[in-house]
C-alpha atoms as a PDB file:
ATOM      1  CA  MET A   1     -33.917 -17.397 -15.038  1.00  0.00           C
ATOM      2  CA  GLN A   2     -30.666 -16.907 -16.014  1.00  0.00           C
ATOM      3  CA  GLY A   3     -28.946 -13.800 -14.984  1.00  0.00           C
ATOM      4  CA  ALA A   4     -31.091 -13.205 -11.932  1.00  0.00           C
ATOM      5  CA  GLY A   5     -31.932 -15.032  -8.351  1.00  0.00           C
ATOM      6  CA  TYR A   6     -35.022 -16.638  -7.877  1.00  0.00           C
ATOM      7  CA  CYS A   7     -36.475 -13.616  -6.359  1.00  0.00           C
ATOM      8  CA  GLY A   8     -36.158 -11.986  -9.699  1.00  0.00           C
ATOM      9  CA  LEU A   9     -33.582  -9.432  -8.839  1.00  0.00           C
ATOM     10  CA  PRO A  10     -30.606  -8.979 -11.280  1.00  0.00           C
ATOM     11  CA  ASP A  11     -27.016 -10.480 -10.684  1.00  0.00           C
ATOM     12  CA  GLY A  12     -25.448  -9.262  -7.742  1.00  0.00           C
ATOM     13  CA  ALA A  13     -28.076  -7.242  -6.136  1.00  0.00           C
ATOM     14  CA  ALA A  14     -28.595  -6.795  -2.278  1.00  0.00           C
ATOM     15  CA  VAL A  15     -31.922  -7.874  -0.841  1.00  0.00           C
ATOM     16  CA  PRO A  16     -33.392  -7.305   2.490  1.00  0.00           C
ATOM     17  CA  ARG A  17     -32.593  -9.473   5.407  1.00  0.00           C
ATOM     18  CA  THR A  18     -35.280 -11.309   6.936  1.00  0.00           C
ATOM     19  CA  GLY A  19     -35.099 -13.558  10.246  1.00  0.00           C
ATOM     20  CA  SER A  20     -35.151 -16.505   8.495  1.00  0.00           C
ATOM     21  CA  GLY A  21     -32.477 -15.873   5.987  1.00  0.00           C
ATOM     22  CA  LEU A  22     -34.828 -16.113   3.028  1.00  0.00           C
ATOM     23  CA  ARG A  23     -35.956 -13.176   0.955  1.00  0.00           C
ATOM     24  CA  ALA A  24     -39.514 -14.238   0.451  1.00  0.00           C
ATOM     25  CA  ALA A  25     -41.827 -16.934   0.661  1.00  0.00           C
ATOM     26  CA  GLY A  26     -41.223 -19.250  -1.981  1.00  0.00           C
ATOM     27  CA  CYS A  27     -37.425 -18.413  -2.657  1.00  0.00           C
ATOM     28  CA  ARG A  28     -35.600 -21.730  -2.365  1.00  0.00           C
ATOM     29  CA  LEU A  29     -32.252 -20.289  -1.789  1.00  0.00           C
ATOM     30  CA  ARG A  30     -30.613 -18.777   1.535  1.00  0.00           C
ATOM     31  CA  CYS A  31     -29.236 -15.197   0.768  1.00  0.00           C
ATOM     32  CA  ARG A  32     -25.561 -14.753   2.132  1.00  0.00           C
ATOM     33  CA  SER A  33     -24.561 -12.263   4.698  1.00  0.00           C
ATOM     34  CA  ILE A  34     -22.449  -9.074   3.410  1.00  0.00           C
ATOM     35  CA  PRO A  35     -20.066  -8.797   6.268  1.00  0.00           C
ATOM     36  CA  GLY A  36     -20.374  -5.240   7.572  1.00  0.00           C
ATOM     37  CA  SER A  37     -23.813  -4.584   6.032  1.00  0.00           C
ATOM     38  CA  ALA A  38     -26.945  -4.978   6.965  1.00  0.00           C
ATOM     39  CA  ALA A  39     -28.161  -6.141   3.433  1.00  0.00           C
ATOM     40  CA  ARG A  40     -27.604  -9.683   2.441  1.00  0.00           C
ATOM     41  CA  LEU A  41     -26.539 -11.008  -1.015  1.00  0.00           C
ATOM     42  CA  CYS A  42     -28.894 -13.518  -2.961  1.00  0.00           C
ATOM     43  CA  PRO A  43     -26.666 -16.998  -3.825  1.00  0.00           C
ATOM     44  CA  ALA A  44     -28.081 -17.102  -7.352  1.00  0.00           C
ATOM     45  CA  ALA A  45     -26.235 -14.490  -8.195  1.00  0.00           C
ATOM     46  CA  PRO A  46     -22.582 -15.228  -9.370  1.00  0.00           C
ATOM     47  CA  ALA A  47     -19.546 -14.525  -7.429  1.00  0.00           C
ATOM     48  CA  LEU A  48     -17.651 -12.942 -10.340  1.00  0.00           C
ATOM     49  CA  ILE A  49     -18.648  -9.104 -10.133  1.00  0.00           C
ATOM     50  CA  ARG A  50     -21.248  -6.825  -8.881  1.00  0.00           C
ATOM     51  CA  ARG A  51     -22.064  -3.639 -10.309  1.00  0.00           C
ATOM     52  CA  PRO A  52     -20.199  -0.552  -9.444  1.00  0.00           C
ATOM     53  CA  PRO A  53     -22.207   1.343  -7.042  1.00  0.00           C
ATOM     54  CA  THR A  54     -25.267   3.363  -7.591  1.00  0.00           C
ATOM     55  CA  VAL A  55     -24.815   6.834  -6.807  1.00  0.00           C
ATOM     56  CA  HIS A  56     -27.443   8.812  -4.475  1.00  0.00           C
ATOM     57  CA  THR A  57     -27.738  12.355  -2.933  1.00  0.00           C
ATOM     58  CA  ASP A  58     -27.470  12.438   0.702  1.00  0.00           C
ATOM     59  CA  GLU A  59     -28.957  14.985   3.275  1.00  0.00           C
ATOM     60  CA  ALA A  60     -26.442  17.527   2.467  1.00  0.00           C
ATOM     61  CA  GLY A  61     -26.562  17.491  -1.281  1.00  0.00           C
ATOM     62  CA  GLY A  62     -23.335  15.112  -1.674  1.00  0.00           C
ATOM     63  CA  ASN A  63     -22.949  11.976  -3.925  1.00  0.00           C
ATOM     64  CA  VAL A  64     -22.779   8.973  -1.853  1.00  0.00           C
ATOM     65  CA  PRO A  65     -22.596   5.550  -3.314  1.00  0.00           C
ATOM     66  CA  ALA A  66     -25.377   3.245  -2.003  1.00  0.00           C
ATOM     67  CA  ALA A  67     -22.850   0.613  -0.359  1.00  0.00           C
ATOM     68  CA  PHE A  68     -21.188   3.835   1.467  1.00  0.00           C
ATOM     69  CA  ARG A  69     -24.794   5.004   2.866  1.00  0.00           C
ATOM     70  CA  GLU A  70     -25.165   1.364   4.200  1.00  0.00           C
ATOM     71  CA  GLU A  71     -22.032   1.478   5.966  1.00  0.00           C
ATOM     72  CA  ARG A  72     -22.332   4.901   7.540  1.00  0.00           C
ATOM     73  CA  GLN A  73     -25.887   3.498   8.930  1.00  0.00           C
ATOM     74  CA  VAL A  74     -23.982   0.720  10.356  1.00  0.00           C
ATOM     75  CA  ALA A  75     -21.609   2.799  11.812  1.00  0.00           C
ATOM     76  CA  ASP A  76     -24.170   5.344  13.002  1.00  0.00           C
ATOM     77  CA  HIS A  77     -26.151   2.322  14.447  1.00  0.00           C
ATOM     78  CA  ALA A  78     -22.941   1.230  16.448  1.00  0.00           C
ATOM     79  CA  GLY A  79     -21.897   4.596  17.678  1.00  0.00           C
ATOM     80  CA  ASP A  80     -18.404   3.647  17.721  1.00  0.00           C
ATOM     81  CA  ILE A  81     -16.605   5.367  14.976  1.00  0.00           C
ATOM     82  CA  PHE A  82     -12.850   5.254  16.895  1.00  0.00           C
ATOM     83  CA  THR A  83     -12.125   1.451  18.110  1.00  0.00           C
ATOM     84  CA  GLU A  84      -9.846  -0.405  15.731  1.00  0.00           C
ATOM     85  CA  PRO A  85     -10.226  -3.926  14.542  1.00  0.00           C
ATOM     86  CA  GLU A  86      -7.854  -6.285  15.207  1.00  0.00           C
ATOM     87  CA  ALA A  87      -5.996  -6.798  11.821  1.00  0.00           C
ATOM     88  CA  ASP A  88      -4.273  -9.760  10.291  1.00  0.00           C
ATOM     89  CA  PRO A  89      -0.668  -8.473   9.679  1.00  0.00           C
ATOM     90  CA  ASP A  90      -0.440 -10.509   6.476  1.00  0.00           C
ATOM     91  CA  THR A  91      -1.494  -8.134   3.494  1.00  0.00           C
ATOM     92  CA  LEU A  92      -1.025 -11.022   1.009  1.00  0.00           C
ATOM     93  CA  ARG A  93      -3.517 -13.097   2.738  1.00  0.00           C
ATOM     94  CA  ASN A  94      -6.152 -10.301   2.850  1.00  0.00           C
ATOM     95  CA  LEU A  95      -6.234  -8.527  -0.628  1.00  0.00           C
ATOM     96  CA  GLY A  96      -9.341 -10.373  -2.137  1.00  0.00           C
ATOM     97  CA  PRO A  97      -9.298 -10.040  -5.851  1.00  0.00           C
ATOM     98  CA  LEU A  98      -6.334  -7.821  -5.756  1.00  0.00           C
ATOM     99  CA  ARG A  99      -3.944 -10.544  -4.544  1.00  0.00           C
ATOM    100  CA  ARG A 100      -3.242 -11.729  -8.228  1.00  0.00           C
ATOM    101  CA  MET A 101      -2.151  -8.146  -8.888  1.00  0.00           C
ATOM    102  CA  ALA A 102       1.021  -8.103  -6.545  1.00  0.00           C
ATOM    103  CA  GLY A 103       4.306  -7.755  -7.796  1.00  0.00           C
ATOM    104  CA  LEU A 104       6.304  -6.382 -10.695  1.00  0.00           C
ATOM    105  CA  TRP A 105       4.520  -6.419 -14.027  1.00  0.00           C
ATOM    106  CA  GLU A 106       5.255  -5.433 -17.714  1.00  0.00           C
ATOM    107  CA  GLY A 107       3.385  -5.474 -20.942  1.00  0.00           C
ATOM    108  CA  MET A 108       3.408  -4.310 -24.500  1.00  0.00           C
ATOM    109  CA  LYS A 109      -0.209  -5.742 -25.420  1.00  0.00           C
ATOM    110  CA  SER A 110      -1.009  -1.799 -25.149  1.00  0.00           C
ATOM    111  CA  LEU A 111      -2.960   0.712 -27.241  1.00  0.00           C
ATOM    112  CA  ASP A 112      -3.847   4.525 -26.005  1.00  0.00           C
ATOM    113  CA  VAL A 113      -6.117   6.201 -28.103  1.00  0.00           C
ATOM    114  CA  ASN A 114      -5.727  10.144 -27.334  1.00  0.00           C
ATOM    115  CA  LEU A 115      -6.704  13.311 -28.975  1.00  0.00           C
ATOM    116  CA  GLY A 116      -4.428  15.435 -30.865  1.00  0.00           C
ATOM    117  CA  PRO A 117      -5.082  18.666 -32.773  1.00  0.00           C
ATOM    118  CA  ASN A 118      -6.336  16.900 -35.951  1.00  0.00           C
ATOM    119  CA  GLY A 119      -8.444  14.175 -34.178  1.00  0.00           C
ATOM    120  CA  PRO A 120      -7.713  10.508 -32.465  1.00  0.00           C
ATOM    121  CA  ARG A 121      -4.141   9.263 -32.137  1.00  0.00           C
ATOM    122  CA  ARG A 122      -3.175   5.614 -31.590  1.00  0.00           C
ATOM    123  CA  GLN A 123      -0.056   5.041 -29.735  1.00  0.00           C
ATOM    124  CA  VAL A 124       0.997   1.596 -28.260  1.00  0.00           C
ATOM    125  CA  TYR A 125       3.674   1.636 -25.396  1.00  0.00           C
ATOM    126  CA  HIS A 126       5.714  -0.243 -23.063  1.00  0.00           C
ATOM    127  CA  GLU A 127       4.617  -0.384 -19.268  1.00  0.00           C
ATOM    128  CA  ARG A 128       6.135  -1.310 -16.013  1.00  0.00           C
ATOM    129  CA  ILE A 129       4.217  -1.419 -13.159  1.00  0.00           C
ATOM    130  CA  ALA A 130       4.963  -2.299  -9.160  1.00  0.00           C
ATOM    131  CA  LEU A 131       2.545  -3.108  -6.955  1.00  0.00           C
ATOM    132  CA  GLN A 132       3.688  -4.014  -3.524  1.00  0.00           C
ATOM    133  CA  PRO A 133       1.700  -4.925  -0.486  1.00  0.00           C
ATOM    134  CA  MET A 134       1.315  -2.326   2.411  1.00  0.00           C
ATOM    135  CA  ASP A 135       0.850  -3.036   6.041  1.00  0.00           C
ATOM    136  CA  PRO A 136      -2.998  -3.112   7.098  1.00  0.00           C
ATOM    137  CA  GLN A 137      -4.508   0.730   7.172  1.00  0.00           C
ATOM    138  CA  THR A 138      -7.412   1.359   9.529  1.00  0.00           C
ATOM    139  CA  ASN A 139     -10.091   4.497   9.687  1.00  0.00           C
ATOM    140  CA  GLY A 140     -11.651   3.553  13.299  1.00  0.00           C
ATOM    141  CA  PRO A 141     -13.402   0.275  12.548  1.00  0.00           C
ATOM    142  CA  GLN A 142     -12.770   0.264   8.808  1.00  0.00           C
ATOM    143  CA  LEU A 143     -10.214  -1.916   7.814  1.00  0.00           C
ATOM    144  CA  LEU A 144      -8.398  -1.725   4.372  1.00  0.00           C
ATOM    145  CA  TYR A 145      -5.678  -4.089   2.987  1.00  0.00           C
ATOM    146  CA  GLY A 146      -3.692  -2.816  -0.462  1.00  0.00           C
ATOM    147  CA  LEU A 147      -1.145  -2.584  -2.625  1.00  0.00           C
ATOM    148  CA  HIS A 148       0.680   0.583  -3.273  1.00  0.00           C
ATOM    149  CA  TYR A 149       1.940   1.256  -6.990  1.00  0.00           C
ATOM    150  CA  VAL A 150       4.072   2.904  -9.368  1.00  0.00           C
ATOM    151  CA  ALA A 151       3.553   2.922 -13.213  1.00  0.00           C
ATOM    152  CA  ARG A 152       5.792   4.251 -16.033  1.00  0.00           C
ATOM    153  CA  MET A 153       5.018   4.031 -19.562  1.00  0.00           C
ATOM    154  CA  VAL A 154       7.146   4.595 -22.388  1.00  0.00           C
ATOM    155  CA  LYS A 155       6.837   4.682 -26.266  1.00  0.00           C
ATOM    156  CA  PRO A 156       8.744   1.742 -28.024  1.00  0.00           C
ATOM    157  CA  GLY A 157      12.410   2.310 -28.174  1.00  0.00           C
ATOM    158  CA  ALA A 158      12.073   5.690 -26.077  1.00  0.00           C
ATOM    159  CA  VAL A 159      13.873   6.671 -23.146  1.00  0.00           C
ATOM    160  CA  ALA A 160      11.414   9.822 -22.080  1.00  0.00           C
ATOM    161  CA  THR A 161       8.584   8.999 -19.517  1.00  0.00           C
ATOM    162  CA  TYR A 162       5.253   8.964 -21.958  1.00  0.00           C
ATOM    163  CA  HIS A 163       2.861   8.582 -18.747  1.00  0.00           C
ATOM    164  CA  HIS A 164       3.773   8.010 -15.032  1.00  0.00           C
ATOM    165  CA  GLN A 165       1.187   7.286 -12.613  1.00  0.00           C
ATOM    166  CA  THR A 166       1.349   6.154  -8.569  1.00  0.00           C
ATOM    167  CA  GLY A 167      -1.558   5.353  -6.278  1.00  0.00           C
ATOM    168  CA  TYR A 168      -3.206   2.615  -4.444  1.00  0.00           C
ATOM    169  CA  TRP A 169      -5.282  -0.377  -4.860  1.00  0.00           C
ATOM    170  CA  LEU A 170      -7.293  -1.037  -1.736  1.00  0.00           C
ATOM    171  CA  TRP A 171      -9.916  -3.604  -0.675  1.00  0.00           C
ATOM    172  CA  GLU A 172     -12.253  -3.617   2.162  1.00  0.00           C
ATOM    173  CA  PRO A 173     -13.265  -7.061   3.049  1.00  0.00           C
ATOM    174  CA  ALA A 174     -16.151  -5.938   5.196  1.00  0.00           C
ATOM    175  CA  THR A 175     -17.996  -4.140   2.336  1.00  0.00           C
ATOM    176  CA  GLU A 176     -16.380  -6.259  -0.780  1.00  0.00           C
ATOM    177  CA  THR A 177     -14.991  -2.964  -2.139  1.00  0.00           C
ATOM    178  CA  VAL A 178     -12.417  -2.254  -4.200  1.00  0.00           C
ATOM    179  CA  ILE A 179     -10.554   1.273  -4.253  1.00  0.00           C
ATOM    180  CA  HIS A 180      -8.457   2.565  -7.181  1.00  0.00           C
ATOM    181  CA  THR A 181      -6.510   5.850  -6.322  1.00  0.00           C
ATOM    182  CA  LEU A 182      -4.246   7.425  -8.886  1.00  0.00           C
ATOM    183  CA  THR A 183      -2.329  10.689  -9.124  1.00  0.00           C
ATOM    184  CA  ILE A 184      -0.518  11.827 -12.577  1.00  0.00           C
ATOM    185  CA  PRO A 185       2.259  14.855 -12.856  1.00  0.00           C
ATOM    186  CA  ARG A 186       0.203  16.779 -14.891  1.00  0.00           C
ATOM    187  CA  GLY A 187      -1.976  18.086 -12.007  1.00  0.00           C
ATOM    188  CA  GLN A 188      -4.669  15.440 -11.721  1.00  0.00           C
ATOM    189  CA  THR A 189      -5.860  12.937  -9.068  1.00  0.00           C
ATOM    190  CA  ALA A 190      -8.782  10.794  -8.835  1.00  0.00           C
ATOM    191  CA  MET A 191     -10.607   8.029  -6.913  1.00  0.00           C
ATOM    192  CA  ALA A 192     -12.634   5.113  -8.526  1.00  0.00           C
ATOM    193  CA  ILE A 193     -14.655   2.701  -6.456  1.00  0.00           C
ATOM    194  CA  GLY A 194     -16.513  -0.268  -7.445  1.00  0.00           C
ATOM    195  CA  HIS A 195     -17.452  -3.872  -5.660  1.00  0.00           C
ATOM    196  CA  ALA A 196     -16.431  -7.375  -6.290  1.00  0.00           C
ATOM    197  CA  ALA A 197     -16.323 -10.670  -4.699  1.00  0.00           C
ATOM    198  CA  ALA A 198     -13.171 -12.013  -3.089  1.00  0.00           C
ATOM    199  CA  ASP A 199     -12.745 -14.262  -5.620  1.00  0.00           C
ATOM    200  CA  ALA A 200     -13.626 -12.443  -8.728  1.00  0.00           C
ATOM    201  CA  THR A 201     -11.708 -12.419 -11.974  1.00  0.00           C
ATOM    202  CA  ARG A 202     -13.223  -9.198 -13.281  1.00  0.00           C
ATOM    203  CA  PHE A 203     -14.426  -6.173 -11.609  1.00  0.00           C
ATOM    204  CA  GLU A 204     -15.151  -2.503 -12.660  1.00  0.00           C
ATOM    205  CA  LEU A 205     -14.544   0.554 -10.874  1.00  0.00           C
ATOM    206  CA  ARG A 206     -15.840   4.326 -11.626  1.00  0.00           C
ATOM    207  CA  ALA A 207     -14.878   7.885 -10.982  1.00  0.00           C
ATOM    208  CA  GLU A 208     -17.291  10.844 -11.511  1.00  0.00           C
ATOM    209  CA  ARG A 209     -16.455  14.589 -11.741  1.00  0.00           C
ATOM    210  CA  GLY A 210     -18.196  16.503  -9.030  1.00  0.00           C
ATOM    211  CA  SER A 211     -18.539  13.489  -6.350  1.00  0.00           C
ATOM    212  CA  THR A 212     -17.149  13.947  -3.011  1.00  0.00           C
ATOM    213  CA  VAL A 213     -16.539  10.369  -2.637  1.00  0.00           C
ATOM    214  CA  ASN A 214     -15.549   8.514  -5.763  1.00  0.00           C
ATOM    215  CA  GLY A 215     -14.610  11.912  -7.434  1.00  0.00           C
ATOM    216  CA  ILE A 216     -11.866  13.938  -9.952  1.00  0.00           C
ATOM    217  CA  CYS A 217      -9.780  16.932  -9.096  1.00  0.00           C
ATOM    218  CA  SER A 218      -7.520  18.695 -11.909  1.00  0.00           C
ATOM    219  CA  LEU A 219      -5.368  21.690 -12.174  1.00  0.00           C
ATOM    220  CA  PRO A 220      -7.517  24.817 -13.430  1.00  0.00           C
ATOM    221  CA  PHE A 221      -5.892  24.823 -16.860  1.00  0.00           C
ATOM    222  CA  LEU A 222      -7.286  21.132 -17.421  1.00  0.00           C
ATOM    223  CA  GLU A 223     -10.761  21.854 -16.192  1.00  0.00           C
ATOM    224  CA  LEU A 224     -10.921  24.641 -18.689  1.00  0.00           C
ATOM    225  CA  ALA A 225      -9.157  22.658 -21.709  1.00  0.00           C
ATOM    226  CA  PHE A 226      -9.728  19.272 -21.113  1.00  0.00           C
ATOM    227  CA  ARG A 227     -12.455  18.609 -18.347  1.00  0.00           C
ATOM    228  CA  THR A 228     -12.626  15.043 -17.452  1.00  0.00           C
ATOM    229  CA  GLU A 229     -16.061  14.070 -16.760  1.00  0.00           C
ATOM    230  CA  SER A 230     -15.924  10.334 -15.514  1.00  0.00           C
ATOM    231  CA  PHE A 231     -13.017   7.815 -15.398  1.00  0.00           C
ATOM    232  CA  ARG A 232     -13.746   3.868 -15.815  1.00  0.00           C
ATOM    233  CA  ILE A 233     -11.647   0.836 -15.224  1.00  0.00           C
ATOM    234  CA  GLU A 234     -12.511  -2.718 -16.064  1.00  0.00           C
ATOM    235  CA  VAL A 235      -9.733  -5.157 -14.597  1.00  0.00           C
ATOM    236  CA  THR A 236      -9.478  -8.893 -15.874  1.00  0.00           C
ATOM    237  CA  LEU A 237      -7.361 -11.470 -13.964  1.00  0.00           C
ATOM    238  CA  ASN A 238      -6.709 -14.023 -17.089  1.00  0.00           C
ATOM    239  CA  PRO A 239      -6.341 -17.728 -16.640  1.00  0.00           C
ATOM    240  CA  ASP A 240      -2.601 -17.868 -17.781  1.00  0.00           C
ATOM    241  CA  GLY A 241      -1.669 -15.442 -14.655  1.00  0.00           C
ATOM    242  CA  THR A 242      -1.419 -12.255 -16.800  1.00  0.00           C
ATOM    243  CA  TRP A 243      -3.936  -9.379 -16.057  1.00  0.00           C
ATOM    244  CA  SER A 244      -5.528  -7.088 -18.152  1.00  0.00           C
ATOM    245  CA  TYR A 245      -7.027  -3.554 -17.738  1.00  0.00           C
ATOM    246  CA  ASP A 246      -9.207  -1.530 -20.108  1.00  0.00           C
ATOM    247  CA  GLU A 247      -9.728   2.357 -19.282  1.00  0.00           C
ATOM    248  CA  ASP A 248     -12.166   5.039 -20.656  1.00  0.00           C
ATOM    249  CA  THR A 249     -11.715   8.067 -19.643  1.00  0.00           C
ATOM    250  CA  VAL A 250     -14.442  10.965 -20.768  1.00  0.00           C
ATOM    251  CA  LEU A 251     -13.397  14.441 -21.682  1.00  0.00           C
ATOM    252  CA  MET A 252     -14.885  17.389 -22.710  1.00  0.00           C
ATOM    253  CA  VAL A 253     -12.207  19.101 -25.014  1.00  0.00           C
ATOM    254  CA  ARG A 254     -12.662  23.117 -25.340  1.00  0.00           C
ATOM    255  CA  GLY A 255     -13.825  23.991 -28.589  1.00  0.00           C
ATOM    256  CA  ARG A 256     -15.510  20.398 -29.526  1.00  0.00           C
ATOM    257  CA  PRO A 257     -19.139  19.973 -28.695  1.00  0.00           C
ATOM    258  CA  GLU A 258     -18.982  16.029 -28.264  1.00  0.00           C
ATOM    259  CA  PRO A 259     -17.253  14.243 -25.484  1.00  0.00           C
ATOM    260  CA  PHE A 260     -13.990  12.338 -26.366  1.00  0.00           C
ATOM    261  CA  HIS A 261     -13.262   8.963 -25.163  1.00  0.00           C
ATOM    262  CA  HIS A 262      -9.721   8.855 -23.992  1.00  0.00           C
ATOM    263  CA  THR A 263      -9.035   4.964 -23.789  1.00  0.00           C
ATOM    264  CA  ASP A 264      -5.928   2.740 -22.575  1.00  0.00           C
ATOM    265  CA  ARG A 265      -5.736  -1.018 -22.373  1.00  0.00           C
ATOM    266  CA  ASN A 266      -2.868  -3.477 -21.515  1.00  0.00           C
ATOM    267  CA  THR A 267      -2.181  -7.132 -20.716  1.00  0.00           C
ATOM    268  CA  LEU A 268       0.480  -7.230 -18.181  1.00  0.00           C
ATOM    269  CA  THR A 269       2.858 -10.431 -17.350  1.00  0.00           C
ATOM    270  CA  ARG A 270       4.550 -10.613 -13.982  1.00  0.00           C
ATOM    271  CA  ILE A 271       8.530 -10.256 -14.055  1.00  0.00           C
ATOM    272  CA  GLU A 272       8.641 -10.551  -9.980  1.00  0.00           C
ATOM    273  CA  ASP A 273       7.109 -11.800  -6.977  1.00  0.00           C
ATOM    274  CA  PRO A 274       5.721  -9.180  -4.519  1.00  0.00           C
ATOM    275  CA  THR A 275       7.888  -7.969  -1.324  1.00  0.00           C
ATOM    276  CA  PRO A 276       5.815  -8.972   1.812  1.00  0.00           C
ATOM    277  CA  ASN A 277       4.650  -6.063   3.502  1.00  0.00           C
ATOM    278  CA  PRO A 278       6.788  -4.494   6.370  1.00  0.00           C
ATOM    279  CA  ARG A 279       5.279  -6.286   8.976  1.00  0.00           C
ATOM    280  CA  MET A 280       5.818  -9.566   7.734  1.00  0.00           C
ATOM    281  CA  ARG A 281       9.590  -8.969   6.728  1.00  0.00           C
ATOM    282  CA  ARG A 282      12.051 -11.032   9.105  1.00  0.00           C
ATOM    283  CA  PRO A 283      14.583  -8.675  10.589  1.00  0.00           C
END
């Protein structure tokens, strides 16, 4: 059946490991191992994209995506949370789906739909964003490769900054996890999480208010007047070498009964290749 494996599970569904590598009698495909996880992936599912992590509640009442529960269980079983792995120093070679995003980019194929006192406002903008590889990072046995980014947007013909943002795009190969952190100088920060295969050309990440894993943190005024409930970003790596993003930030605005969807989108063209991470630079 199109859109599902032979076992009937949906695209990208993690299926239980069995001794033979087959999920069940009659399945004609061998499940693919997910590195660092006790789960396996049905090969009938496409490599393009897997859904964002399902959020569950842990024993302490916090929100924990399913993939992170699996990772925690693996770490608990191993009993070693301190030993660091040997990391390949070449970050650009280990960025998974983020590899094509490295470099300096510009874009004008943009649209920002935000809320003003009289209703929604539409604004195009010029964006320049630098995404440069950093050295590999570890949390004990957890290994992350990533890009540090700085983005600046201005209105056409303007000098003043319209929007400024900085943070990291991170890739964890062992769990095929993509992490996007963002901080803006109006007193807000967030971390969005999703999953994708290393060769994915499209992936989606989400952050949710109240989550202790993929959460959102805002200044008191923003919590009072423009409370952010969720943030979603979808990235598409286009065949012509450009890449695009589509963002949806859901706000509860004081005095309005319905949520407002603040959306942003743009397509970016590389104007400069990335600089290798410090460990790969020749003296």
